[in-house]
Amino acid sequence: AAAAPMLPGSCRMLPTTVMQQPNGTATTVVQQVNSTAFAAAPAVVLSPGTARQRMERLSDQLEGCEEAESLRRADLAQRMGMPEELVDEVDGHVSPSSPGVVPWPGEEPIFEEGFTPRAMLGLTNNIRTACTHFDENLGGPAIISPGLLLSMLAKAEDMLVRKGSKALIEMQPPPGERVVIVGDLHGQLKDALWIFYRYGLPSEAGGNCFLFNGDIADRGRFAVEIYVLVIGWMLTFPGAVFINRGNHEDVLVNTSRSGGFYEECIQKYPGFGRQVFEAFGKFFAALPLAYLLGPNGAKILVVHGGLPRVPSQFISALKHMAPRGPTVAMRTSSLAEVVVKDCLWSDPQESNGQGVSTRGPSLMAFGPDVTLNFCHQELVGLIVRSHEVPPSGEGFAFMHQNRLCTVFSASNYKGIEHNSGAVLLITSADLAMGNLAKSVRPEVYYAPALSQVCETEFEPPKECLESELEPQFLPQTPSARKLREETRRISAAKVEAVTKCSIKSDDPNGELIQDEVV
């Protein structure tokens, strides 16, 4: 142990050993001794079984290591006190007061018209074409000017603050609308663009709504571009794009070694990185923590992590919660802080009652009885959460007698986990009638490489004038739009099948994720 190298999070990894099982099979064991205040993570044991089972175990281990590091960083920062200003570790100097408002190529319509459907469609296509030659694992330079990005963040923060910075948003989707619930994206632009390719861009007139359930930031290299798309369309269509806060919409988590979003801001905007990052922190603080959709008895609660350790006070605490900060308290001193921490960090478990999360001893897990009691008390039909890759690897999973659904949208997470991504489609007409089973439909996908995704084109919003559209998007009648979407899904399924087989054949035994754990 003394000779083993130190890893992030002060964990020492012992040399790999091979142990002989009673049945004669060999089992590889990676032993771990954790020198932090957190409990030691269980050893990684690669016992015989299917490739998917091995991937599940490794995925759980990797998630535990990464989140323990994020928690350690946040806890340490809270005990030491939040610094008044962050140090720019890359360019080494303080950002100037303003980056100016000179538009970069492709941004002129936004500066001239504001966030109109036409201007936002042009900006979306500009991002798509600019990323054609980027490697999703290596990232690329900034595509959006710092002036436009800071302006977008200020406008979005102002919009949320004017609405009261509510922690809970209750709404009834108008009849005829569809809500696409998107889980964790973690900086994987290929998945965000692939979702827009499959389902079209947001539109109020077309009834195409999107609810992003947190964790856009960290891990991947293109979180800034995803935020630009999501925030831009939210400013264009406030009634069609909604965002929940996740546990990675937190400036302390973003600066941890298992985060990455702080580093992304600094690298893409030298000289303005700290200013950009602090603006994101203000935006994070204004985001809601949960949405309630639909009528009593068939309501859908959408929250990033799950239920808190005080489920009977959850809804009430959210309704009366004061404005929140850019980081989440790990050492809680009030009911509000407990609720915020738990609803962003908690996980479901198979056994009844409440337990300790595998992510860290200060976090909790909740069982099926907790879910069922909460749903009965609050007249909720389904809880939708995200926060983790489902063990099945299929992008979604129903648990707790089908009253809880996990949806995760980053396919082949971090380029090593081989999992599919998924979204939940909610049809508001069925939900309004209380037909919950008919209103909820998960759809699974597997996004191809970023370069391939960027060659696609998106169904424009219905608000765009037909005279401004390409012929392939005409006519704009509901039946024609629906037919084009079905055609895209069929085409996408063929591409996804080839992509998934290719990735699994290149790494059939999950060696990439095993290396990442070590």
Protein backbone atom coordinates (compact mmCIF):
# COMPACT_ATOMS: atom_id res chain seq x y z
CA ALA A 1 0.00 0.00 0.00
CA ALA A 2 2.83 2.39 0.80
CA ALA A 3 4.20 2.00 -2.73
CA ALA A 4 0.85 2.45 -4.49
CA PRO A 5 0.34 5.81 -6.24
CA MET A 6 -2.13 8.31 -4.81
CA LEU A 7 -5.29 8.83 -6.85
CA PRO A 8 -7.77 11.73 -6.79
CA GLY A 9 -9.77 11.65 -3.59
CA SER A 10 -6.82 10.33 -1.54
CA CYS A 11 -7.56 6.71 -2.44
CA ARG A 12 -4.75 4.17 -2.61
CA MET A 13 -5.17 1.33 -5.06
CA LEU A 14 -3.40 -1.91 -4.27
CA PRO A 15 -1.97 -4.10 -7.03
CA THR A 16 -4.49 -6.32 -8.77
CA THR A 17 -4.53 -9.92 -7.55
CA VAL A 18 -6.16 -13.09 -8.82
CA MET A 19 -8.03 -15.24 -6.30
CA GLN A 20 -9.19 -18.81 -6.75
CA GLN A 21 -12.91 -19.38 -6.13
CA PRO A 22 -14.25 -22.61 -4.55
CA ASN A 23 -15.62 -23.67 -7.93
CA GLY A 24 -12.20 -23.32 -9.52
CA THR A 25 -12.88 -20.11 -11.46
CA ALA A 26 -10.54 -17.18 -11.21
CA THR A 27 -11.75 -13.82 -9.92
CA THR A 28 -9.88 -10.56 -10.37
CA VAL A 29 -9.94 -8.33 -7.30
CA VAL A 30 -8.89 -4.70 -7.09
CA GLN A 31 -8.53 -3.77 -3.42
CA GLN A 32 -9.06 -0.22 -2.29
CA VAL A 33 -8.16 1.61 0.91
CA ASN A 34 -9.82 5.01 1.27
CA SER A 35 -7.97 7.50 3.42
CA THR A 36 -10.67 10.17 3.32
CA ALA A 37 -13.43 10.66 5.86
CA PHE A 38 -15.78 8.69 3.63
CA ALA A 39 -16.27 4.96 4.02
CA ALA A 40 -14.19 2.75 1.74
CA ALA A 41 -15.88 1.76 -1.49
CA PRO A 42 -16.35 -1.98 -1.96
CA ALA A 43 -13.70 -3.86 -3.91
CA VAL A 44 -14.26 -4.35 -7.63
CA VAL A 45 -14.91 -8.04 -8.20
CA LEU A 46 -15.09 -9.31 -11.76
CA SER A 47 -16.75 -12.65 -11.21
CA PRO A 48 -18.12 -14.86 -13.98
CA GLY A 49 -21.31 -13.62 -15.55
CA THR A 50 -22.63 -11.80 -18.55
CA ALA A 51 -20.81 -8.80 -19.97
CA ARG A 52 -23.77 -6.63 -18.97
CA GLN A 53 -23.54 -7.78 -15.34
CA ARG A 54 -19.84 -6.97 -15.25
CA MET A 55 -20.55 -3.57 -16.76
CA GLU A 56 -23.24 -2.94 -14.12
CA ARG A 57 -20.83 -3.68 -11.28
CA LEU A 58 -18.08 -1.56 -12.78
CA SER A 59 -20.50 1.27 -13.53
CA ASP A 60 -21.69 1.31 -9.92
CA GLN A 61 -18.10 1.31 -8.68
CA LEU A 62 -17.09 4.15 -11.01
CA GLU A 63 -20.13 6.22 -10.03
CA GLY A 64 -19.33 5.70 -6.35
CA CYS A 65 -15.69 6.77 -6.77
CA GLU A 66 -16.56 9.88 -8.78
CA GLU A 67 -19.42 11.03 -6.57
CA ALA A 68 -17.41 10.40 -3.38
CA GLU A 69 -14.76 12.75 -4.77
CA SER A 70 -17.41 15.37 -5.60
CA LEU A 71 -18.86 15.10 -2.09
CA ARG A 72 -15.43 15.27 -0.48
CA ARG A 73 -14.64 18.44 -2.39
CA ALA A 74 -17.98 20.09 -1.57
CA ASP A 75 -17.77 19.12 2.10
CA LEU A 76 -14.21 20.40 2.41
CA ALA A 77 -15.09 23.68 0.70
CA GLN A 78 -18.09 24.18 2.99
CA ARG A 79 -15.99 23.62 6.13
CA MET A 80 -13.24 25.98 4.90
CA GLY A 81 -15.67 28.63 3.77
CA MET A 82 -16.71 29.60 0.26
CA PRO A 83 -14.00 31.76 -1.33
CA GLU A 84 -15.07 35.25 -2.35
CA GLU A 85 -13.70 34.74 -5.84
CA LEU A 86 -12.44 31.75 -7.77
CA VAL A 87 -8.87 31.76 -9.03
CA ASP A 88 -8.46 31.36 -12.75
CA GLU A 89 -6.05 28.42 -12.81
CA VAL A 90 -5.40 28.43 -16.54
CA ASP A 91 -4.82 31.97 -17.78
CA GLY A 92 -3.68 33.17 -14.34
CA HIS A 93 -5.20 36.64 -14.39
CA VAL A 94 -8.43 38.30 -13.39
CA SER A 95 -11.09 38.53 -16.06
CA PRO A 96 -11.84 41.99 -17.44
CA SER A 97 -15.12 43.59 -16.45
CA SER A 98 -16.79 42.93 -19.80
CA PRO A 99 -15.94 40.82 -22.86
CA GLY A 100 -17.82 43.19 -25.12
CA VAL A 101 -20.80 42.46 -27.34
CA VAL A 102 -19.15 41.92 -30.71
CA PRO A 103 -21.03 39.02 -32.36
CA TRP A 104 -19.13 36.08 -33.73
CA PRO A 105 -20.01 34.67 -37.20
CA GLY A 106 -23.55 33.29 -37.20
CA GLU A 107 -24.65 35.28 -34.15
CA GLU A 108 -25.76 38.44 -35.96
CA PRO A 109 -29.47 37.49 -36.15
CA ILE A 110 -29.61 36.98 -32.36
CA PHE A 111 -28.09 40.43 -31.76
CA GLU A 112 -30.36 42.04 -34.35
CA GLU A 113 -33.67 40.24 -33.69
CA GLY A 114 -33.33 38.83 -30.20
CA PHE A 115 -34.34 35.23 -29.50
CA THR A 116 -36.81 34.81 -32.34
CA PRO A 117 -37.50 31.31 -33.74
CA ARG A 118 -35.65 32.18 -36.95
CA ALA A 119 -32.59 33.53 -35.15
CA MET A 120 -32.44 30.63 -32.69
CA LEU A 121 -32.80 28.10 -35.52
CA GLY A 122 -29.82 29.74 -37.21
CA LEU A 123 -27.75 29.61 -34.00
CA THR A 124 -28.64 25.94 -33.50
CA ASN A 125 -27.54 25.06 -37.02
CA ASN A 126 -24.38 27.12 -36.53
CA ILE A 127 -23.45 25.01 -33.48
CA ARG A 128 -24.27 21.81 -35.37
CA THR A 129 -22.09 22.65 -38.37
CA ALA A 130 -19.23 24.04 -36.25
CA CYS A 131 -18.95 20.76 -34.31
CA THR A 132 -18.79 18.55 -37.40
CA HIS A 133 -15.03 18.05 -37.12
CA PHE A 134 -14.75 17.99 -33.32
CA ASP A 135 -13.92 14.86 -31.33
CA GLU A 136 -16.53 14.37 -28.60
CA ASN A 137 -13.88 13.03 -26.22
CA LEU A 138 -11.37 15.83 -26.82
CA GLY A 139 -13.72 18.79 -27.08
CA GLY A 140 -13.04 21.93 -29.06
CA PRO A 141 -12.72 25.70 -28.85
CA ALA A 142 -15.59 28.02 -27.98
CA ILE A 143 -18.31 28.31 -30.60
CA ILE A 144 -20.39 30.99 -28.87
CA SER A 145 -18.92 34.41 -28.10
CA PRO A 146 -18.50 35.23 -24.40
CA GLY A 147 -20.63 38.35 -24.83
CA LEU A 148 -23.61 36.38 -26.17
CA LEU A 149 -23.18 33.61 -23.57
CA LEU A 150 -23.11 36.07 -20.65
CA SER A 151 -26.12 37.88 -22.08
CA MET A 152 -28.07 34.61 -22.39
CA LEU A 153 -27.25 33.60 -18.82
CA ALA A 154 -28.27 37.01 -17.46
CA LYS A 155 -31.57 36.92 -19.37
CA ALA A 156 -32.33 33.36 -18.24
CA GLU A 157 -31.51 34.15 -14.61
CA ASP A 158 -33.70 37.27 -14.79
CA MET A 159 -36.59 35.25 -16.26
CA LEU A 160 -36.41 32.70 -13.46
CA VAL A 161 -36.01 35.34 -10.73
CA ARG A 162 -39.00 37.32 -12.05
CA LYS A 163 -41.02 34.13 -11.68
CA GLY A 164 -39.94 33.95 -8.05
CA SER A 165 -37.07 31.43 -8.34
CA LYS A 166 -39.60 28.80 -7.32
CA ALA A 167 -38.27 25.46 -6.15
CA LEU A 168 -41.45 23.69 -7.32
CA ILE A 169 -43.26 24.42 -10.57
CA GLU A 170 -46.81 23.07 -10.90
CA MET A 171 -48.27 23.12 -14.39
CA GLN A 172 -50.90 21.61 -16.62
CA PRO A 173 -49.56 21.01 -20.14
CA PRO A 174 -52.18 22.33 -22.60
CA PRO A 175 -54.04 19.67 -24.64
CA GLY A 176 -52.28 18.58 -27.78
CA GLU A 177 -48.81 19.04 -26.36
CA ARG A 178 -46.08 16.48 -25.82
CA VAL A 179 -43.45 16.79 -23.13
CA VAL A 180 -40.09 15.11 -23.79
CA ILE A 181 -38.37 14.48 -20.44
CA VAL A 182 -34.60 14.36 -20.89
CA GLY A 183 -32.33 12.83 -18.24
CA ASP A 184 -28.62 13.39 -17.56
CA LEU A 185 -26.62 14.59 -20.59
CA HIS A 186 -23.33 15.37 -18.82
CA GLY A 187 -21.81 17.42 -21.59
CA GLN A 188 -22.51 14.85 -24.34
CA LEU A 189 -23.60 17.12 -27.17
CA LYS A 190 -24.15 14.18 -29.51
CA ASP A 191 -27.08 13.02 -27.36
CA ALA A 192 -28.65 16.49 -27.10
CA LEU A 193 -28.48 16.96 -30.88
CA TRP A 194 -29.69 13.41 -31.53
CA ILE A 195 -32.75 14.02 -29.35
CA PHE A 196 -33.53 17.20 -31.32
CA TYR A 197 -33.06 15.24 -34.56
CA ARG A 198 -35.45 12.49 -33.49
CA TYR A 199 -38.17 14.66 -31.95
CA GLY A 200 -37.73 18.07 -33.56
CA LEU A 201 -36.85 21.42 -32.03
CA PRO A 202 -38.99 23.01 -29.28
CA SER A 203 -42.16 24.74 -30.38
CA GLU A 204 -45.07 26.30 -28.48
CA ALA A 205 -47.38 26.38 -31.49
CA GLY A 206 -46.39 22.82 -32.43
CA GLY A 207 -46.87 21.52 -28.88
CA ASN A 208 -43.32 20.14 -28.68
CA CYS A 209 -42.10 20.72 -25.12
CA PHE A 210 -38.88 19.61 -23.40
CA LEU A 211 -38.10 19.20 -19.71
CA PHE A 212 -34.38 18.73 -18.96
CA ASN A 213 -34.03 16.98 -15.61
CA GLY A 214 -30.64 18.30 -14.54
CA ASP A 215 -27.00 17.23 -14.85
CA ILE A 216 -26.22 18.93 -18.13
CA ALA A 217 -22.84 19.92 -16.68
CA ASP A 218 -19.62 17.98 -16.00
CA ARG A 219 -17.93 14.86 -17.39
CA GLY A 220 -18.42 15.60 -21.12
CA ARG A 221 -16.67 18.33 -23.12
CA PHE A 222 -19.65 20.22 -24.58
CA ALA A 223 -21.81 21.26 -21.63
CA VAL A 224 -21.49 24.95 -22.59
CA GLU A 225 -22.96 24.28 -26.04
CA ILE A 226 -25.82 22.20 -24.59
CA TYR A 227 -26.67 25.01 -22.16
CA VAL A 228 -26.64 27.49 -25.04
CA LEU A 229 -29.15 25.36 -26.93
CA VAL A 230 -31.40 24.71 -23.94
CA ILE A 231 -31.29 28.27 -22.56
CA GLY A 232 -31.63 29.80 -26.02
CA TRP A 233 -34.76 27.82 -26.81
CA MET A 234 -36.12 28.53 -23.30
CA LEU A 235 -35.75 32.26 -23.98
CA THR A 236 -37.42 31.77 -27.37
CA PHE A 237 -40.26 29.57 -26.08
CA PRO A 238 -40.67 29.95 -22.28
CA GLY A 239 -43.74 27.72 -22.47
CA ALA A 240 -41.97 24.87 -24.25
CA VAL A 241 -38.57 24.45 -22.54
CA PHE A 242 -38.08 23.79 -18.82
CA ILE A 243 -34.98 22.94 -16.78
CA ASN A 244 -34.60 21.24 -13.41
CA ARG A 245 -31.51 21.56 -11.28
CA GLY A 246 -29.35 18.46 -10.82
CA ASN A 247 -26.61 17.68 -8.33
CA HIS A 248 -24.04 18.76 -10.94
CA GLU A 249 -25.62 22.20 -11.29
CA ASP A 250 -23.42 23.12 -8.34
CA VAL A 251 -20.26 25.23 -8.60
CA LEU A 252 -18.34 23.22 -5.99
CA VAL A 253 -19.10 19.91 -7.70
CA ASN A 254 -18.10 21.52 -11.02
CA THR A 255 -14.63 22.32 -9.66
CA SER A 256 -13.94 18.80 -8.36
CA ARG A 257 -11.57 16.54 -10.26
CA SER A 258 -14.47 14.29 -11.23
CA GLY A 259 -16.47 17.29 -12.45
CA GLY A 260 -14.99 19.24 -15.31
CA PHE A 261 -17.38 22.08 -16.08
CA TYR A 262 -15.22 24.74 -14.40
CA GLU A 263 -12.27 23.58 -16.47
CA GLU A 264 -14.39 23.64 -19.63
CA CYS A 265 -15.39 27.28 -19.01
CA ILE A 266 -11.78 28.30 -18.30
CA GLN A 267 -10.37 26.54 -21.36
CA LYS A 268 -13.00 27.79 -23.80
CA TYR A 269 -12.95 31.39 -22.58
CA PRO A 270 -9.40 32.38 -21.58
CA GLY A 271 -9.58 35.77 -19.93
CA PHE A 272 -13.31 35.46 -19.30
CA GLY A 273 -13.58 31.92 -17.90
CA ARG A 274 -14.15 32.86 -14.28
CA GLN A 275 -16.76 35.44 -15.25
CA VAL A 276 -18.59 32.88 -17.39
CA PHE A 277 -18.44 30.25 -14.65
CA GLU A 278 -19.78 32.63 -12.00
CA ALA A 279 -22.64 33.59 -14.33
CA PHE A 280 -23.53 29.91 -14.66
CA GLY A 281 -23.53 29.66 -10.85
CA LYS A 282 -26.14 32.42 -10.58
CA PHE A 283 -28.24 30.67 -13.21
CA PHE A 284 -27.95 27.35 -11.32
CA ALA A 285 -29.16 29.02 -8.12
CA ALA A 286 -32.36 30.21 -9.81
CA LEU A 287 -33.32 26.83 -11.30
CA PRO A 288 -36.30 24.92 -9.85
CA LEU A 289 -35.78 21.61 -8.09
CA ALA A 290 -38.96 19.81 -9.20
CA TYR A 291 -41.94 19.93 -11.54
CA LEU A 292 -45.45 18.60 -10.93
CA LEU A 293 -47.38 17.82 -14.12
CA GLY A 294 -51.01 16.78 -14.50
CA PRO A 295 -54.14 16.40 -12.34
CA ASN A 296 -54.48 14.90 -8.86
CA GLY A 297 -54.12 11.13 -8.82
CA ALA A 298 -52.21 11.14 -12.09
CA LYS A 299 -49.64 13.80 -11.28
CA ILE A 300 -46.07 13.23 -12.43
CA LEU A 301 -43.32 14.50 -10.14
CA VAL A 302 -40.08 15.19 -12.00
CA VAL A 303 -37.04 15.59 -9.73
CA HIS A 304 -33.38 14.87 -10.38
CA GLY A 305 -32.42 12.55 -7.51
CA GLY A 306 -35.47 11.39 -5.62
CA LEU A 307 -37.32 11.69 -2.34
CA PRO A 308 -35.79 13.25 0.80
CA ARG A 309 -35.51 11.67 4.25
CA VAL A 310 -38.57 13.72 5.26
CA PRO A 311 -40.95 12.78 2.40
CA SER A 312 -44.08 13.96 4.22
CA GLN A 313 -42.68 17.53 4.20
CA PHE A 314 -41.19 17.45 0.72
CA ILE A 315 -43.86 19.29 -1.29
CA SER A 316 -44.57 21.79 1.48
CA ALA A 317 -40.87 22.58 1.90
CA LEU A 318 -40.46 23.13 -1.83
CA LYS A 319 -43.45 25.47 -1.99
CA HIS A 320 -42.13 27.66 0.83
CA MET A 321 -38.42 27.48 0.02
CA ALA A 322 -36.35 30.66 -0.05
CA PRO A 323 -34.01 31.45 -2.95
CA ARG A 324 -31.07 29.08 -3.14
CA GLY A 325 -27.34 29.55 -3.68
CA PRO A 326 -24.97 28.36 -6.41
CA THR A 327 -23.87 25.42 -4.28
CA VAL A 328 -25.70 22.82 -2.18
CA ALA A 329 -24.91 22.46 1.52
CA MET A 330 -23.41 19.07 2.36
CA ARG A 331 -23.54 19.81 6.10
CA THR A 332 -27.19 20.71 6.59
CA SER A 333 -28.62 22.86 9.37
CA SER A 334 -32.25 23.36 8.30
CA LEU A 335 -35.15 21.44 6.79
CA ALA A 336 -34.76 23.36 3.52
CA GLU A 337 -31.09 22.36 3.22
CA VAL A 338 -31.93 18.71 3.91
CA VAL A 339 -34.64 18.72 1.25
CA VAL A 340 -32.40 20.36 -1.37
CA LYS A 341 -29.52 17.98 -0.70
CA ASP A 342 -31.67 14.85 -0.70
CA CYS A 343 -33.82 15.62 -3.74
CA LEU A 344 -30.66 16.18 -5.81
CA TRP A 345 -28.56 13.31 -4.44
CA SER A 346 -30.82 10.47 -3.20
CA ASP A 347 -31.29 7.11 -4.96
CA PRO A 348 -33.95 4.37 -4.82
CA GLN A 349 -33.25 0.98 -3.23
CA GLU A 350 -35.00 -2.39 -3.46
CA SER A 351 -35.54 -2.90 0.29
CA ASN A 352 -38.15 -1.03 2.30
CA GLY A 353 -37.35 1.93 4.48
CA GLN A 354 -34.46 4.37 4.22
CA GLY A 355 -30.81 3.41 3.95
CA VAL A 356 -27.37 4.83 3.31
CA SER A 357 -26.52 5.59 -0.30
CA THR A 358 -23.57 3.89 -1.97
CA ARG A 359 -22.46 7.37 -3.04
CA GLY A 360 -21.52 8.37 0.50
CA PRO A 361 -22.59 7.93 4.14
CA SER A 362 -24.14 11.41 4.35
CA LEU A 363 -26.57 10.56 1.52
CA MET A 364 -29.71 8.48 1.69
CA ALA A 365 -31.59 5.86 -0.32
CA PHE A 366 -35.33 5.25 -0.18
CA GLY A 367 -37.31 2.04 -0.59
CA PRO A 368 -40.58 1.14 -2.33
CA ASP A 369 -42.67 1.71 0.81
CA VAL A 370 -41.37 5.30 1.01
CA THR A 371 -42.29 5.89 -2.63
CA LEU A 372 -45.77 4.35 -2.33
CA ASN A 373 -46.60 6.25 0.86
CA PHE A 374 -45.49 9.52 -0.68
CA CYS A 375 -47.49 8.93 -3.88
CA HIS A 376 -50.61 8.10 -1.85
CA GLN A 377 -50.24 11.13 0.39
CA GLU A 378 -49.53 13.64 -2.38
CA LEU A 379 -51.83 12.12 -5.06
CA VAL A 380 -48.84 11.48 -7.32
CA GLY A 381 -49.08 8.75 -9.94
CA LEU A 382 -45.43 8.58 -11.00
CA ILE A 383 -42.06 9.92 -9.85
CA VAL A 384 -39.59 10.53 -12.69
CA ARG A 385 -35.95 10.93 -11.69
CA SER A 386 -32.54 10.65 -13.37
CA HIS A 387 -29.15 10.81 -11.61
CA GLU A 388 -27.72 7.38 -12.58
CA VAL A 389 -27.34 4.89 -15.40
CA PRO A 390 -30.07 2.25 -14.87
CA PRO A 391 -28.60 -1.21 -14.11
CA SER A 392 -30.24 -2.64 -17.24
CA GLY A 393 -28.20 -0.28 -19.40
CA GLU A 394 -31.34 0.55 -21.39
CA GLY A 395 -31.60 4.22 -20.47
CA PHE A 396 -34.73 3.83 -18.33
CA ALA A 397 -36.00 1.58 -15.56
CA PHE A 398 -39.29 1.33 -13.65
CA MET A 399 -39.09 0.45 -9.95
CA HIS A 400 -41.20 0.45 -6.79
CA GLN A 401 -44.29 -1.18 -8.32
CA ASN A 402 -43.95 1.06 -11.40
CA ARG A 403 -44.45 4.24 -9.37
CA LEU A 404 -40.87 5.42 -9.97
CA CYS A 405 -38.96 5.68 -13.26
CA THR A 406 -35.28 6.50 -13.81
CA VAL A 407 -34.44 8.08 -17.16
CA PHE A 408 -30.83 8.67 -18.27
CA SER A 409 -30.11 10.27 -21.63
CA ALA A 410 -26.32 10.10 -22.08
CA SER A 411 -25.82 7.04 -24.28
CA ASN A 412 -22.48 5.18 -24.06
CA TYR A 413 -21.84 7.36 -21.01
CA LYS A 414 -18.33 8.86 -21.01
CA GLY A 415 -17.59 6.75 -24.09
CA ILE A 416 -17.06 3.59 -22.03
CA GLU A 417 -20.31 2.31 -20.46
CA HIS A 418 -22.06 0.90 -23.59
CA ASN A 419 -25.48 1.95 -22.20
CA SER A 420 -28.38 3.19 -24.29
CA GLY A 421 -29.94 6.58 -23.62
CA ALA A 422 -33.65 7.20 -23.22
CA VAL A 423 -36.30 9.90 -22.94
CA LEU A 424 -39.84 9.80 -21.59
CA LEU A 425 -42.62 11.03 -23.86
CA ILE A 426 -45.63 12.46 -21.98
CA THR A 427 -48.80 13.10 -23.99
CA SER A 428 -50.70 15.85 -22.23
CA ALA A 429 -54.14 14.91 -23.58
CA ASP A 430 -54.00 11.47 -21.95
CA LEU A 431 -52.44 12.91 -18.80
CA ALA A 432 -55.21 15.51 -18.50
CA MET A 433 -57.76 12.68 -18.59
CA GLY A 434 -55.96 10.88 -15.77
CA ASN A 435 -54.80 8.06 -18.05
CA LEU A 436 -51.26 7.86 -16.68
CA ALA A 437 -50.39 4.48 -18.21
CA LYS A 438 -51.26 5.67 -21.70
CA SER A 439 -49.63 9.10 -21.32
CA VAL A 440 -46.10 7.86 -20.45
CA ARG A 441 -43.92 6.15 -23.04
CA PRO A 442 -40.15 5.62 -22.75
CA GLU A 443 -38.11 5.57 -25.93
CA VAL A 444 -34.58 4.18 -26.13
CA TYR A 445 -31.84 5.36 -28.50
CA TYR A 446 -28.08 5.13 -29.02
CA ALA A 447 -26.54 8.29 -30.43
CA PRO A 448 -23.83 7.87 -33.08
CA ALA A 449 -20.57 9.83 -33.10
CA LEU A 450 -20.77 13.61 -32.86
CA SER A 451 -19.47 14.08 -36.40
CA GLN A 452 -22.25 11.86 -37.75
CA VAL A 453 -24.96 13.54 -35.65
CA CYS A 454 -23.87 16.95 -36.91
CA GLU A 455 -24.65 15.91 -40.48
CA THR A 456 -28.37 15.64 -39.66
CA GLU A 457 -30.96 18.43 -39.86
CA PHE A 458 -33.64 19.30 -37.32
CA GLU A 459 -37.38 19.73 -37.80
CA PRO A 460 -37.83 23.51 -37.32
CA PRO A 461 -40.40 25.01 -34.96
CA LYS A 462 -43.87 25.48 -36.33
CA GLU A 463 -43.50 29.21 -35.66
CA CYS A 464 -40.96 29.57 -38.49
CA LEU A 465 -42.39 30.96 -41.72
CA GLU A 466 -42.73 28.35 -44.47
CA SER A 467 -41.07 30.75 -46.91
CA GLU A 468 -37.89 30.55 -44.79
CA LEU A 469 -37.73 26.74 -44.62
CA GLU A 470 -35.96 24.18 -46.77
CA PRO A 471 -38.22 22.10 -49.06
CA GLN A 472 -37.67 18.91 -47.03
CA PHE A 473 -39.53 20.53 -44.12
CA LEU A 474 -42.64 21.39 -46.12
CA PRO A 475 -45.55 21.30 -45.69
CA GLN A 476 -45.90 22.21 -42.01
CA THR A 477 -49.25 20.50 -41.44
CA PRO A 478 -49.54 18.31 -38.32
CA SER A 479 -49.87 15.12 -40.37
CA ALA A 480 -46.80 15.96 -42.48
CA ARG A 481 -44.72 16.77 -39.40
CA LYS A 482 -45.77 13.51 -37.78
CA LEU A 483 -44.89 11.51 -40.90
CA ARG A 484 -41.44 13.13 -41.07
CA GLU A 485 -40.82 12.28 -37.41
CA GLU A 486 -41.71 8.64 -37.96
CA THR A 487 -39.40 8.54 -40.97
CA ARG A 488 -36.57 10.01 -38.89
CA ARG A 489 -37.10 7.43 -36.15
CA ILE A 490 -36.86 4.56 -38.62
CA SER A 491 -33.71 6.02 -40.14
CA ALA A 492 -32.25 6.73 -36.69
CA ALA A 493 -32.89 3.16 -35.50
CA LYS A 494 -30.77 1.75 -38.34
CA VAL A 495 -27.88 4.11 -37.56
CA GLU A 496 -28.14 3.37 -33.82
CA ALA A 497 -28.01 -0.39 -34.33
CA VAL A 498 -24.81 -0.13 -36.37
CA THR A 499 -23.25 2.26 -33.83
CA LYS A 500 -24.05 0.08 -30.84
CA CYS A 501 -22.70 -3.09 -32.45
CA SER A 502 -19.51 -1.31 -33.51
CA ILE A 503 -18.81 0.08 -30.02
CA LYS A 504 -19.49 -3.22 -28.28
CA SER A 505 -17.31 -5.14 -30.72
CA ASP A 506 -14.43 -2.73 -30.07
CA ASP A 507 -14.68 -3.25 -26.28
CA PRO A 508 -16.63 -6.49 -25.68
CA ASN A 509 -15.43 -7.09 -22.11
CA GLY A 510 -15.77 -3.55 -20.80
CA GLU A 511 -12.02 -3.05 -20.41
CA LEU A 512 -12.31 0.72 -20.88
CA ILE A 513 -14.57 1.19 -17.88
CA GLN A 514 -12.41 -1.20 -15.82
CA ASP A 515 -9.37 0.94 -16.60
CA GLU A 516 -11.31 4.07 -15.64
CA VAL A 517 -12.22 2.61 -12.24
CA VAL A 518 -8.60 1.73 -11.54
